[in-house]
C-alpha atoms as a PDB file:
ATOM      1  CA  MET A   1      -0.152  -0.230  -0.174  1.00  0.00           C
ATOM      2  CA  ARG A   2       1.449   3.103  -0.791  1.00  0.00           C
ATOM      3  CA  TRP A   3       0.372   5.366   1.878  1.00  0.00           C
ATOM      4  CA  GLN A   4       3.682   7.758   2.446  1.00  0.00           C
ATOM      5  CA  GLY A   5       2.586  11.332   2.027  1.00  0.00           C
ATOM      6  CA  ARG A   6      -1.322  10.864   2.488  1.00  0.00           C
ATOM      7  CA  ARG A   7      -3.666  12.618   4.490  1.00  0.00           C
ATOM      8  CA  GLN A   8      -3.237  11.509   8.140  1.00  0.00           C
ATOM      9  CA  SER A   9      -5.795  11.805  10.619  1.00  0.00           C
ATOM     10  CA  GLU A  10      -6.308  13.865  13.300  1.00  0.00           C
ATOM     11  CA  ASN A  11      -8.418  11.366  15.696  1.00  0.00           C
ATOM     12  CA  VAL A  12      -5.559   9.724  17.214  1.00  0.00           C
ATOM     13  CA  GLU A  13      -4.095   9.365  21.078  1.00  0.00           C
ATOM     14  CA  ASP A  14      -1.237   8.408  21.832  1.00  0.00           C
ATOM     15  CA  GLN A  15      -1.351   6.801  25.055  1.00  0.00           C
ATOM     16  CA  ARG A  16       1.592   5.120  24.908  1.00  0.00           C
ATOM     17  CA  GLY A  17       4.437   5.273  27.751  1.00  0.00           C
ATOM     18  CA  MET A  18       1.605   6.215  30.016  1.00  0.00           C
ATOM     19  CA  GLY A  19       1.790   2.650  31.963  1.00  0.00           C
ATOM     20  CA  SER A  20      -1.247   0.382  33.315  1.00  0.00           C
ATOM     21  CA  MET A  21      -4.430   2.568  33.523  1.00  0.00           C
ATOM     22  CA  GLY A  22      -6.755   1.416  36.089  1.00  0.00           C
ATOM     23  CA  GLY A  23      -5.842  -2.255  37.142  1.00  0.00           C
ATOM     24  CA  GLY A  24      -5.918  -5.655  36.092  1.00  0.00           C
ATOM     25  CA  GLY A  25      -6.893  -5.701  32.382  1.00  0.00           C
ATOM     26  CA  MET A  26      -9.386  -8.960  31.588  1.00  0.00           C
ATOM     27  CA  LEU A  27      -8.178 -11.203  34.732  1.00  0.00           C
ATOM     28  CA  GLY A  28      -7.947  -8.973  36.962  1.00  0.00           C
ATOM     29  CA  GLY A  29     -10.939  -6.053  37.791  1.00  0.00           C
ATOM     30  CA  ARG A  30     -13.915  -5.902  35.275  1.00  0.00           C
ATOM     31  CA  GLY A  31     -11.955  -5.730  32.165  1.00  0.00           C
ATOM     32  CA  VAL A  32     -13.157  -5.374  28.508  1.00  0.00           C
ATOM     33  CA  ARG A  33     -16.125  -7.512  28.127  1.00  0.00           C
ATOM     34  CA  VAL A  34     -15.256  -9.776  24.976  1.00  0.00           C
ATOM     35  CA  GLY A  35     -18.352  -8.938  23.503  1.00  0.00           C
ATOM     36  CA  GLY A  36     -16.197  -5.916  22.645  1.00  0.00           C
ATOM     37  CA  PHE A  37     -15.284  -6.382  18.927  1.00  0.00           C
ATOM     38  CA  GLY A  38     -11.765  -7.582  19.293  1.00  0.00           C
ATOM     39  CA  ILE A  39     -10.545  -8.738  16.048  1.00  0.00           C
ATOM     40  CA  GLY A  40      -7.198 -10.918  17.503  1.00  0.00           C
ATOM     41  CA  GLY A  41      -9.220 -11.458  20.797  1.00  0.00           C
ATOM     42  CA  THR A  42     -10.398 -15.026  20.283  1.00  0.00           C
ATOM     43  CA  LEU A  43      -7.090 -16.176  19.650  1.00  0.00           C
ATOM     44  CA  VAL A  44      -5.727 -14.625  22.840  1.00  0.00           C
ATOM     45  CA  ILE A  45      -8.617 -15.837  25.108  1.00  0.00           C
ATOM     46  CA  LEU A  46      -7.918 -19.325  24.041  1.00  0.00           C
ATOM     47  CA  LEU A  47      -4.014 -19.125  24.980  1.00  0.00           C
ATOM     48  CA  LEU A  48      -4.684 -17.602  28.466  1.00  0.00           C
ATOM     49  CA  GLY A  49      -7.352 -20.232  29.199  1.00  0.00           C
ATOM     50  CA  LEU A  50      -4.224 -23.009  28.513  1.00  0.00           C
ATOM     51  CA  VAL A  51      -1.639 -20.885  30.378  1.00  0.00           C
ATOM     52  CA  PHE A  52      -3.931 -19.978  33.720  1.00  0.00           C
ATOM     53  CA  GLY A  53      -6.047 -23.156  33.651  1.00  0.00           C
ATOM     54  CA  PHE A  54      -9.585 -21.778  33.132  1.00  0.00           C
ATOM     55  CA  ASP A  55     -12.569 -22.248  30.473  1.00  0.00           C
ATOM     56  CA  PRO A  56     -11.848 -20.319  27.482  1.00  0.00           C
ATOM     57  CA  SER A  57     -15.920 -20.243  26.780  1.00  0.00           C
ATOM     58  CA  ILE A  58     -16.487 -18.382  29.758  1.00  0.00           C
ATOM     59  CA  LEU A  59     -15.190 -15.263  28.334  1.00  0.00           C
ATOM     60  CA  LEU A  60     -15.810 -16.288  24.766  1.00  0.00           C
ATOM     61  CA  ASN A  61     -19.531 -16.489  25.716  1.00  0.00           C
ATOM     62  CA  GLY A  62     -19.277 -13.640  28.407  1.00  0.00           C
ATOM     63  CA  GLY A  63     -22.058 -11.376  26.641  1.00  0.00           C
ATOM     64  CA  PRO A  64     -21.816  -8.275  24.597  1.00  0.00           C
ATOM     65  CA  VAL A  65     -20.013  -5.229  25.268  1.00  0.00           C
ATOM     66  CA  GLU A  66     -21.908  -2.331  27.416  1.00  0.00           C
ATOM     67  CA  GLN A  67     -24.018   0.390  24.881  1.00  0.00           C
ATOM     68  CA  ALA A  68     -24.048   3.550  26.374  1.00  0.00           C
ATOM     69  CA  PRO A  69     -24.787   6.505  24.648  1.00  0.00           C
ATOM     70  CA  ALA A  70     -21.213   8.271  25.193  1.00  0.00           C
ATOM     71  CA  PRO A  71     -21.471  11.803  23.397  1.00  0.00           C
ATOM     72  CA  ARG A  72     -18.405  12.554  21.750  1.00  0.00           C
ATOM     73  CA  SER A  73     -15.223  14.179  23.544  1.00  0.00           C
ATOM     74  CA  SER A  74     -14.745  18.087  22.790  1.00  0.00           C
ATOM     75  CA  THR A  75     -10.786  17.144  22.369  1.00  0.00           C
ATOM     76  CA  MET A  76     -12.166  14.371  19.435  1.00  0.00           C
ATOM     77  CA  GLY A  77     -10.788  15.505  15.775  1.00  0.00           C
ATOM     78  CA  GLN A  78      -8.750  18.211  16.922  1.00  0.00           C
ATOM     79  CA  GLY A  79      -5.598  16.209  17.314  1.00  0.00           C
ATOM     80  CA  GLN A  80      -5.574  17.542  20.906  1.00  0.00           C
ATOM     81  CA  GLY A  81      -5.141  13.820  22.078  1.00  0.00           C
ATOM     82  CA  ARG A  82      -1.537  13.216  20.456  1.00  0.00           C
ATOM     83  CA  MET A  83       1.227  12.808  22.742  1.00  0.00           C
ATOM     84  CA  PRO A  84       4.839  12.687  21.877  1.00  0.00           C
ATOM     85  CA  THR A  85       6.287   9.476  22.695  1.00  0.00           C
ATOM     86  CA  ALA A  86      10.005   8.644  22.231  1.00  0.00           C
ATOM     87  CA  GLN A  87      10.185   5.847  19.700  1.00  0.00           C
ATOM     88  CA  SER A  88      12.154   4.070  17.063  1.00  0.00           C
ATOM     89  CA  GLY A  89      11.824   4.747  13.434  1.00  0.00           C
ATOM     90  CA  ALA A  90       9.702   1.398  12.659  1.00  0.00           C
ATOM     91  CA  GLU A  91       7.486   2.454  15.172  1.00  0.00           C
ATOM     92  CA  GLY A  92       6.810   6.026  13.989  1.00  0.00           C
ATOM     93  CA  ASP A  93       6.459   4.926  10.764  1.00  0.00           C
ATOM     94  CA  LEU A  94       3.839   2.562  11.858  1.00  0.00           C
ATOM     95  CA  SER A  95       1.782   4.792  13.749  1.00  0.00           C
ATOM     96  CA  ASN A  96       1.948   7.278  11.044  1.00  0.00           C
ATOM     97  CA  PHE A  97       0.717   4.353   8.800  1.00  0.00           C
ATOM     98  CA  VAL A  98      -2.264   3.399  11.126  1.00  0.00           C
ATOM     99  CA  SER A  99      -3.132   7.122  11.169  1.00  0.00           C
ATOM    100  CA  VAL A 100      -3.379   7.145   7.293  1.00  0.00           C
ATOM    101  CA  VAL A 101      -5.582   4.554   6.930  1.00  0.00           C
ATOM    102  CA  LEU A 102      -7.919   6.114   9.807  1.00  0.00           C
ATOM    103  CA  ALA A 103      -7.448   8.848   7.894  1.00  0.00           C
ATOM    104  CA  GLU A 104      -8.833   7.214   4.537  1.00  0.00           C
ATOM    105  CA  THR A 105     -11.452   4.979   6.280  1.00  0.00           C
ATOM    106  CA  GLU A 106     -13.059   8.404   7.381  1.00  0.00           C
ATOM    107  CA  ASP A 107     -13.225   9.368   4.066  1.00  0.00           C
ATOM    108  CA  VAL A 108     -14.679   6.753   2.390  1.00  0.00           C
ATOM    109  CA  TRP A 109     -17.283   6.245   5.099  1.00  0.00           C
ATOM    110  CA  GLY A 110     -18.046  10.049   5.242  1.00  0.00           C
ATOM    111  CA  ASP A 111     -18.830  10.159   1.904  1.00  0.00           C
ATOM    112  CA  ILE A 112     -21.347   6.706   2.476  1.00  0.00           C
ATOM    113  CA  PHE A 113     -23.175   8.035   5.079  1.00  0.00           C
ATOM    114  CA  SER A 114     -23.307  11.654   2.968  1.00  0.00           C
ATOM    115  CA  GLN A 115     -24.842   9.641   0.055  1.00  0.00           C
ATOM    116  CA  SER A 116     -27.877   8.311   2.750  1.00  0.00           C
ATOM    117  CA  GLY A 117     -28.665  11.774   4.206  1.00  0.00           C
ATOM    118  CA  ARG A 118     -26.581  11.258   7.690  1.00  0.00           C
ATOM    119  CA  ARG A 119     -23.324  12.573   8.965  1.00  0.00           C
ATOM    120  CA  TYR A 120     -20.453  10.029   9.892  1.00  0.00           C
ATOM    121  CA  GLU A 121     -18.913  10.340  13.239  1.00  0.00           C
ATOM    122  CA  GLU A 122     -15.287  10.043  13.028  1.00  0.00           C
ATOM    123  CA  PRO A 123     -13.977   7.608  15.388  1.00  0.00           C
ATOM    124  CA  VAL A 124     -10.724   7.630  17.766  1.00  0.00           C
ATOM    125  CA  LEU A 125      -7.841   5.644  17.519  1.00  0.00           C
ATOM    126  CA  VAL A 126      -6.124   5.223  20.974  1.00  0.00           C
ATOM    127  CA  LEU A 127      -2.191   3.674  20.687  1.00  0.00           C
ATOM    128  CA  PHE A 128      -1.798   1.966  23.640  1.00  0.00           C
ATOM    129  CA  SER A 129       1.256  -0.117  25.174  1.00  0.00           C
ATOM    130  CA  ASN A 130       0.461  -2.913  27.569  1.00  0.00           C
ATOM    131  CA  SER A 131      -2.730  -1.821  29.189  1.00  0.00           C
ATOM    132  CA  VAL A 132      -4.997   1.173  28.811  1.00  0.00           C
ATOM    133  CA  GLN A 133      -8.817   1.923  30.033  1.00  0.00           C
ATOM    134  CA  SER A 134     -11.703   2.318  28.034  1.00  0.00           C
ATOM    135  CA  GLY A 135     -15.243   3.561  28.035  1.00  0.00           C
ATOM    136  CA  CYS A 136     -15.856  -0.419  28.220  1.00  0.00           C
ATOM    137  CA  GLY A 137     -13.561  -0.835  31.162  1.00  0.00           C
ATOM    138  CA  SER A 138      -9.633  -2.091  31.520  1.00  0.00           C
ATOM    139  CA  ALA A 139      -7.893  -3.789  29.014  1.00  0.00           C
ATOM    140  CA  ARG A 140      -4.609  -5.583  28.156  1.00  0.00           C
ATOM    141  CA  SER A 141      -2.548  -5.751  25.239  1.00  0.00           C
ATOM    142  CA  SER A 142      -3.420  -9.276  25.417  1.00  0.00           C
ATOM    143  CA  MET A 143      -7.052  -9.113  24.003  1.00  0.00           C
ATOM    144  CA  GLY A 144      -5.832  -7.686  20.567  1.00  0.00           C
ATOM    145  CA  PRO A 145      -6.952  -4.622  18.795  1.00  0.00           C
ATOM    146  CA  PHE A 146     -10.847  -3.887  19.897  1.00  0.00           C
ATOM    147  CA  TYR A 147     -13.565  -1.283  19.188  1.00  0.00           C
ATOM    148  CA  CYS A 148     -15.487   0.291  22.537  1.00  0.00           C
ATOM    149  CA  PRO A 149     -18.893   1.517  21.219  1.00  0.00           C
ATOM    150  CA  ALA A 150     -19.243   3.474  24.585  1.00  0.00           C
ATOM    151  CA  ASP A 151     -16.685   5.759  23.671  1.00  0.00           C
ATOM    152  CA  HIS A 152     -16.691   5.456  20.094  1.00  0.00           C
ATOM    153  CA  LYS A 153     -12.647   4.653  20.120  1.00  0.00           C
ATOM    154  CA  LEU A 154     -10.863   2.250  18.501  1.00  0.00           C
ATOM    155  CA  TYR A 155      -8.128   1.063  20.501  1.00  0.00           C
ATOM    156  CA  ILE A 156      -4.812  -0.270  19.423  1.00  0.00           C
ATOM    157  CA  ASP A 157      -1.014  -1.623  20.566  1.00  0.00           C
ATOM    158  CA  LEU A 158       0.852  -2.087  17.829  1.00  0.00           C
ATOM    159  CA  SER A 159       2.973  -4.766  18.989  1.00  0.00           C
ATOM    160  CA  PHE A 160      -0.354  -6.960  17.935  1.00  0.00           C
ATOM    161  CA  TYR A 161       1.441  -6.372  14.236  1.00  0.00           C
ATOM    162  CA  ARG A 162       4.118  -8.428  15.055  1.00  0.00           C
ATOM    163  CA  ASP A 163       2.006 -11.307  16.429  1.00  0.00           C
ATOM    164  CA  LEU A 164      -0.160 -11.414  12.888  1.00  0.00           C
ATOM    165  CA  ARG A 165       3.093 -11.309  11.345  1.00  0.00           C
ATOM    166  CA  ASN A 166       4.995 -13.802  13.331  1.00  0.00           C
ATOM    167  CA  LYS A 167       2.634 -16.132  15.223  1.00  0.00           C
ATOM    168  CA  LEU A 168      -0.760 -16.004  12.697  1.00  0.00           C
ATOM    169  CA  GLY A 169       1.235 -15.727   9.629  1.00  0.00           C
ATOM    170  CA  ALA A 170       0.121 -13.085   7.608  1.00  0.00           C
ATOM    171  CA  PRO A 171       2.662 -10.241   7.216  1.00  0.00           C
ATOM    172  CA  GLY A 172       2.047  -7.234   4.877  1.00  0.00           C
ATOM    173  CA  ASP A 173       0.934  -3.625   5.521  1.00  0.00           C
ATOM    174  CA  PHE A 174      -2.665  -4.111   4.353  1.00  0.00           C
ATOM    175  CA  ALA A 175      -3.318  -7.113   6.822  1.00  0.00           C
ATOM    176  CA  GLN A 176      -2.462  -4.159   9.327  1.00  0.00           C
ATOM    177  CA  ALA A 177      -5.003  -1.968   7.328  1.00  0.00           C
ATOM    178  CA  TYR A 178      -7.472  -4.979   7.189  1.00  0.00           C
ATOM    179  CA  VAL A 179      -7.095  -4.741  11.236  1.00  0.00           C
ATOM    180  CA  ILE A 180      -8.077  -1.403  11.007  1.00  0.00           C
ATOM    181  CA  ALA A 181     -10.743  -1.248   8.187  1.00  0.00           C
ATOM    182  CA  HIS A 182     -12.395  -4.283  10.241  1.00  0.00           C
ATOM    183  CA  GLU A 183     -12.681  -2.401  13.711  1.00  0.00           C
ATOM    184  CA  VAL A 184     -13.905   0.734  12.194  1.00  0.00           C
ATOM    185  CA  GLY A 185     -16.779  -1.760  10.474  1.00  0.00           C
ATOM    186  CA  HIS A 186     -17.952  -2.198  14.469  1.00  0.00           C
ATOM    187  CA  HIS A 187     -17.972   1.910  14.767  1.00  0.00           C
ATOM    188  CA  VAL A 188     -20.074   1.959  11.320  1.00  0.00           C
ATOM    189  CA  GLN A 189     -22.476  -0.742  13.418  1.00  0.00           C
ATOM    190  CA  ASN A 190     -22.845   1.329  16.355  1.00  0.00           C
ATOM    191  CA  LEU A 191     -23.614   4.755  14.369  1.00  0.00           C
ATOM    192  CA  LEU A 192     -26.253   2.321  12.549  1.00  0.00           C
ATOM    193  CA  GLY A 193     -27.618   1.405  15.679  1.00  0.00           C
ATOM    194  CA  ILE A 194     -26.580  -2.932  14.036  1.00  0.00           C
ATOM    195  CA  SER A 195     -25.057  -3.426  17.645  1.00  0.00           C
ATOM    196  CA  ARG A 196     -27.337  -2.301  19.938  1.00  0.00           C
ATOM    197  CA  ASP A 197     -29.855  -4.555  18.478  1.00  0.00           C
ATOM    198  CA  VAL A 198     -27.922  -7.228  18.277  1.00  0.00           C
ATOM    199  CA  GLN A 199     -27.167  -6.985  21.907  1.00  0.00           C
ATOM    200  CA  ALA A 200     -30.643  -6.712  22.261  1.00  0.00           C
ATOM    201  CA  ALA A 201     -31.313 -10.129  20.906  1.00  0.00           C
ATOM    202  CA  GLN A 202     -28.444 -11.917  22.331  1.00  0.00           C
ATOM    203  CA  GLY A 203     -29.939 -11.445  25.618  1.00  0.00           C
ATOM    204  CA  GLN A 204     -33.097 -13.131  24.992  1.00  0.00           C
ATOM    205  CA  VAL A 205     -31.663 -16.581  23.167  1.00  0.00           C
ATOM    206  CA  SER A 206     -29.361 -19.465  24.110  1.00  0.00           C
ATOM    207  CA  ARG A 207     -25.571 -18.947  24.878  1.00  0.00           C
ATOM    208  CA  SER A 208     -24.969 -20.832  21.346  1.00  0.00           C
ATOM    209  CA  GLU A 209     -27.354 -18.434  19.443  1.00  0.00           C
ATOM    210  CA  ALA A 210     -25.864 -15.672  21.047  1.00  0.00           C
ATOM    211  CA  ASN A 211     -22.475 -16.391  19.696  1.00  0.00           C
ATOM    212  CA  ALA A 212     -24.333 -17.262  15.784  1.00  0.00           C
ATOM    213  CA  LEU A 213     -25.367 -13.363  16.279  1.00  0.00           C
ATOM    214  CA  SER A 214     -21.600 -12.509  17.291  1.00  0.00           C
ATOM    215  CA  VAL A 215     -20.608 -14.250  14.403  1.00  0.00           C
ATOM    216  CA  ARG A 216     -22.558 -12.357  11.646  1.00  0.00           C
ATOM    217  CA  LEU A 217     -21.806  -9.084  13.738  1.00  0.00           C
ATOM    218  CA  GLU A 218     -17.985  -9.809  13.139  1.00  0.00           C
ATOM    219  CA  LEU A 219     -18.487 -10.834   9.148  1.00  0.00           C
ATOM    220  CA  GLN A 220     -20.306  -7.646   8.937  1.00  0.00           C
ATOM    221  CA  ALA A 221     -17.434  -5.943   9.876  1.00  0.00           C
ATOM    222  CA  ASP A 222     -15.326  -7.776   7.755  1.00  0.00           C
ATOM    223  CA  CYS A 223     -17.406  -7.299   4.861  1.00  0.00           C
ATOM    224  CA  TYR A 224     -17.509  -3.551   5.641  1.00  0.00           C
ATOM    225  CA  ALA A 225     -13.821  -3.494   5.440  1.00  0.00           C
ATOM    226  CA  GLY A 226     -14.176  -5.307   2.263  1.00  0.00           C
ATOM    227  CA  ILE A 227     -15.926  -2.153   1.521  1.00  0.00           C
ATOM    228  CA  TRP A 228     -13.008   0.565   2.545  1.00  0.00           C
ATOM    229  CA  ALA A 229     -10.635  -2.154   0.542  1.00  0.00           C
ATOM    230  CA  ASN A 230     -13.020  -1.774  -2.388  1.00  0.00           C
ATOM    231  CA  ARG A 231     -12.725   2.454  -2.219  1.00  0.00           C
ATOM    232  CA  MET A 232      -8.711   1.761  -1.905  1.00  0.00           C
ATOM    233  CA  ALA A 233      -8.585  -0.558  -5.110  1.00  0.00           C
ATOM    234  CA  HIS A 234     -10.495   2.559  -7.228  1.00  0.00           C
ATOM    235  CA  GLN A 235      -8.181   5.123  -6.434  1.00  0.00           C
ATOM    236  CA  GLU A 236      -5.286   5.484  -8.425  1.00  0.00           C
ATOM    237  CA  ALA A 237      -1.870   4.384  -7.279  1.00  0.00           C
ATOM    238  CA  VAL A 238      -3.232   3.473  -3.743  1.00  0.00           C
ATOM    239  CA  LEU A 239      -2.489  -0.399  -4.009  1.00  0.00           C
ATOM    240  CA  GLU A 240       0.486  -2.129  -4.784  1.00  0.00           C
ATOM    241  CA  GLN A 241       0.518  -5.977  -5.900  1.00  0.00           C
ATOM    242  CA  GLY A 242      -0.453  -8.513  -3.555  1.00  0.00           C
ATOM    243  CA  ASP A 243      -2.312  -5.951  -0.905  1.00  0.00           C
ATOM    244  CA  ILE A 244      -5.634  -7.499  -1.447  1.00  0.00           C
ATOM    245  CA  GLU A 245      -4.260 -11.003  -1.071  1.00  0.00           C
ATOM    246  CA  GLU A 246      -2.196  -9.712   1.959  1.00  0.00           C
ATOM    247  CA  ALA A 247      -5.729  -8.894   3.346  1.00  0.00           C
ATOM    248  CA  LEU A 248      -7.531 -11.969   2.741  1.00  0.00           C
ATOM    249  CA  ASN A 249      -4.571 -13.894   4.036  1.00  0.00           C
ATOM    250  CA  ALA A 250      -5.280 -12.113   7.383  1.00  0.00           C
ATOM    251  CA  ALA A 251      -8.968 -12.366   7.451  1.00  0.00           C
ATOM    252  CA  SER A 252      -8.152 -16.487   7.064  1.00  0.00           C
ATOM    253  CA  ALA A 253      -6.092 -16.102   9.825  1.00  0.00           C
ATOM    254  CA  VAL A 254      -8.320 -15.030  12.303  1.00  0.00           C
ATOM    255  CA  GLY A 255     -10.783 -17.165  11.509  1.00  0.00           C
ATOM    256  CA  ASP A 256     -12.393 -18.878  14.859  1.00  0.00           C
ATOM    257  CA  ASP A 257     -11.682 -22.827  13.266  1.00  0.00           C
ATOM    258  CA  ARG A 258      -7.743 -22.065  12.685  1.00  0.00           C
ATOM    259  CA  LEU A 259      -7.261 -20.293  15.894  1.00  0.00           C
ATOM    260  CA  GLN A 260      -8.645 -22.935  18.145  1.00  0.00           C
ATOM    261  CA  ALA A 261      -7.033 -25.782  16.038  1.00  0.00           C
ATOM    262  CA  GLN A 262      -3.836 -23.667  16.935  1.00  0.00           C
ATOM    263  CA  SER A 263      -4.113 -23.185  20.209  1.00  0.00           C
ATOM    264  CA  THR A 264      -6.140 -26.262  21.283  1.00  0.00           C
ATOM    265  CA  GLY A 265      -6.080 -28.776  18.989  1.00  0.00           C
ATOM    266  CA  MET A 266      -9.841 -28.720  18.499  1.00  0.00           C
ATOM    267  CA  VAL A 267     -12.308 -26.780  16.792  1.00  0.00           C
ATOM    268  CA  THR A 268     -15.660 -26.391  18.194  1.00  0.00           C
ATOM    269  CA  PRO A 269     -18.205 -24.461  15.975  1.00  0.00           C
ATOM    270  CA  ASP A 270     -20.758 -24.157  18.788  1.00  0.00           C
ATOM    271  CA  SER A 271     -18.372 -21.819  20.380  1.00  0.00           C
ATOM    272  CA  PHE A 272     -17.385 -19.547  17.068  1.00  0.00           C
ATOM    273  CA  THR A 273     -18.054 -15.532  17.818  1.00  0.00           C
ATOM    274  CA  HIS A 274     -16.013 -14.404  15.317  1.00  0.00           C
ATOM    275  CA  GLY A 275     -16.600 -16.496  12.213  1.00  0.00           C
ATOM    276  CA  SER A 276     -14.465 -19.595  10.066  1.00  0.00           C
ATOM    277  CA  SER A 277     -11.710 -18.519   8.489  1.00  0.00           C
ATOM    278  CA  ALA A 278     -13.656 -19.434   5.194  1.00  0.00           C
ATOM    279  CA  GLN A 279     -16.573 -17.115   5.996  1.00  0.00           C
ATOM    280  CA  ARG A 280     -14.327 -14.320   7.099  1.00  0.00           C
ATOM    281  CA  VAL A 281     -12.641 -14.269   3.798  1.00  0.00           C
ATOM    282  CA  GLU A 282     -15.924 -14.630   1.721  1.00  0.00           C
ATOM    283  CA  TRP A 283     -17.956 -11.507   3.490  1.00  0.00           C
ATOM    284  CA  PHE A 284     -14.214  -9.561   3.153  1.00  0.00           C
ATOM    285  CA  ARG A 285     -14.948 -10.283  -0.515  1.00  0.00           C
ATOM    286  CA  ARG A 286     -18.861  -9.480  -1.158  1.00  0.00           C
ATOM    287  CA  GLY A 287     -17.839  -5.970   0.476  1.00  0.00           C
ATOM    288  CA  LEU A 288     -14.666  -5.761  -1.616  1.00  0.00           C
ATOM    289  CA  ASN A 289     -16.611  -7.174  -4.284  1.00  0.00           C
ATOM    290  CA  ASP A 290     -19.078  -4.710  -4.694  1.00  0.00           C
ATOM    291  CA  GLY A 291     -18.024  -1.651  -2.589  1.00  0.00           C
ATOM    292  CA  SER A 292     -22.011  -1.064  -1.018  1.00  0.00           C
ATOM    293  CA  PRO A 293     -23.276  -2.169   2.529  1.00  0.00           C
ATOM    294  CA  ASN A 294     -26.350  -3.254   1.098  1.00  0.00           C
ATOM    295  CA  SER A 295     -23.980  -6.527   0.302  1.00  0.00           C
ATOM    296  CA  CYS A 296     -23.233  -6.704   3.666  1.00  0.00           C
ATOM    297  CA  ASP A 297     -26.533  -8.082   5.526  1.00  0.00           C
ATOM    298  CA  THR A 298     -24.688 -11.191   7.051  1.00  0.00           C
ATOM    299  CA  PHE A 299     -28.238 -11.297   9.399  1.00  0.00           C
ATOM    300  CA  ARG A 300     -30.916 -12.160   6.502  1.00  0.00           C
ATOM    301  CA  ASN A 301     -27.530 -13.673   4.122  1.00  0.00           C
ATOM    302  CA  GLY A 302     -25.233 -15.303   6.683  1.00  0.00           C
END
């Protein structure tokens, strides 16, 4: 992806180097509830279960994140959340890269919302290291990237990209961009009220049915990420050869079946919360090929 020299988003808060933000993360203290839309969370939870000896299904099926109607902070969109941090050249490039990706999602979804007569409320991307306090509770890097609907913010420890490359076998800058685009997809769902409706429905069904609804929500976020990729593909001199393949590989790498097989040697579809590798690739492709939110109704066409 040719991203150098492109516009960077002002909606970035750099909290790296600020230390622990309020206690125990997932395993101590209230933590971010796992329904909170973390693209890498399933793998990490399964691995933590093996290490610490608890049942991963307790967390994997713990229910959706709180849906608090949090208003936007006055600092959002004004760049006031940026904090200078000492970082290597590689770290600086990566933080600039995700800022460019976020800016591109702002342009894409701003245009889509405008076409339907709505205003797109831009989310904030929070960069953190080790742990962070979000509107949904405290969280650690081990959760992976996530979106909190209560504060309209995306959270990522950039070290996740090292794990994406080395542990999950999904290298490349467009694989990294897919992660941001997926979490932005959850923000779009929040703005449209889809997340709220899913949460309400999950409270009235069995655990396995609630998991199935979570899968549909995640697949729709993948489809929305595909829409963003579609728009990037139609911009001159942005994508490079192999970029789309990198994103597809990343979508496959974070499929529940692949993660479960990697961490436990077993695959239990009833516990899926994000979808299989094949499903995630399929729905990313639908958004990529069609470029319209109308192609992303996973609840009727799942």
